[in-house]
């Protein structure tokens, strides 16, 4: 071991040369590698607040939105907006630009908030802005459709309930008229006891009240007092690319150069 360290001290110039060579190679690699930039988006999920309710419900759950953005269907829809149907990369093998977007796209919920954080990489700032615009457009199209879908479902529910309410009111009116006619007849001519008809009228009245209550709730939900649509922040792009990092490349180059120099000394030691 002492001999080995002695050789290191004796050949320090060679080791230094290898370290410098490693740093030079790393620097050249740094300028040769295509830089990658990172985009950051912050999404605030919208809310639908029906009249009379203090806190509304989110258009879509935060975790659901985060999962949706990562899903293949959503990513494909974004890419279609970017490259266009029939353009390079659409329906064929992915280009390096598309692969980078697919592999780097990340979305996560900001805990205990209605926000979702989205990040992805690109080879230029212009490329990132293009993908951010397509992602924003696709998400807002989907989310802005949610209140309309909810409204259609409520309208269908309202139509059904109104029909049931109309039928119940007709039944209540008929029972009431039967009751009034029965009250005018002598007791021995009453085919149906008053008590049974009274019970039927009470049940019918309860059903009418319940259906009217349901209708009031549907009407209230059909006309929200506040609708806060989903918003997406302007894309944030760092001033410098996140890859490559010169310091990291230099560190790797120095370590690699030193390792090659040491291996050279060990090889020379074993061969002599």
Foldseek 3Di string as FASTA:
>chain_A
DVVLVVVCVVCVVVLVVLLVVLLVVLVVVQVVDQFKWKKKKKKFFKFFAFPPRDDTDTLDALVVVQVLCLDPVLLLQLVCQQQPPPGPQNPDPHDPQSVQQNVFWGWDGDPPHRMIMIMGMGRDPVSVQSSVVSSQVSVLVVSVVSLVVVLVVLVVVLVVLVVVLVVLVVVLVVLVVVLVVLVPDPPVPRPDDSVVSVVVNVVSVVVNVVSVVVNVVSVRSNDTPDITHMDMDRMDIDPGGPPDDSVVSSVVSSVVSSVVVSVVSVVVVVVD
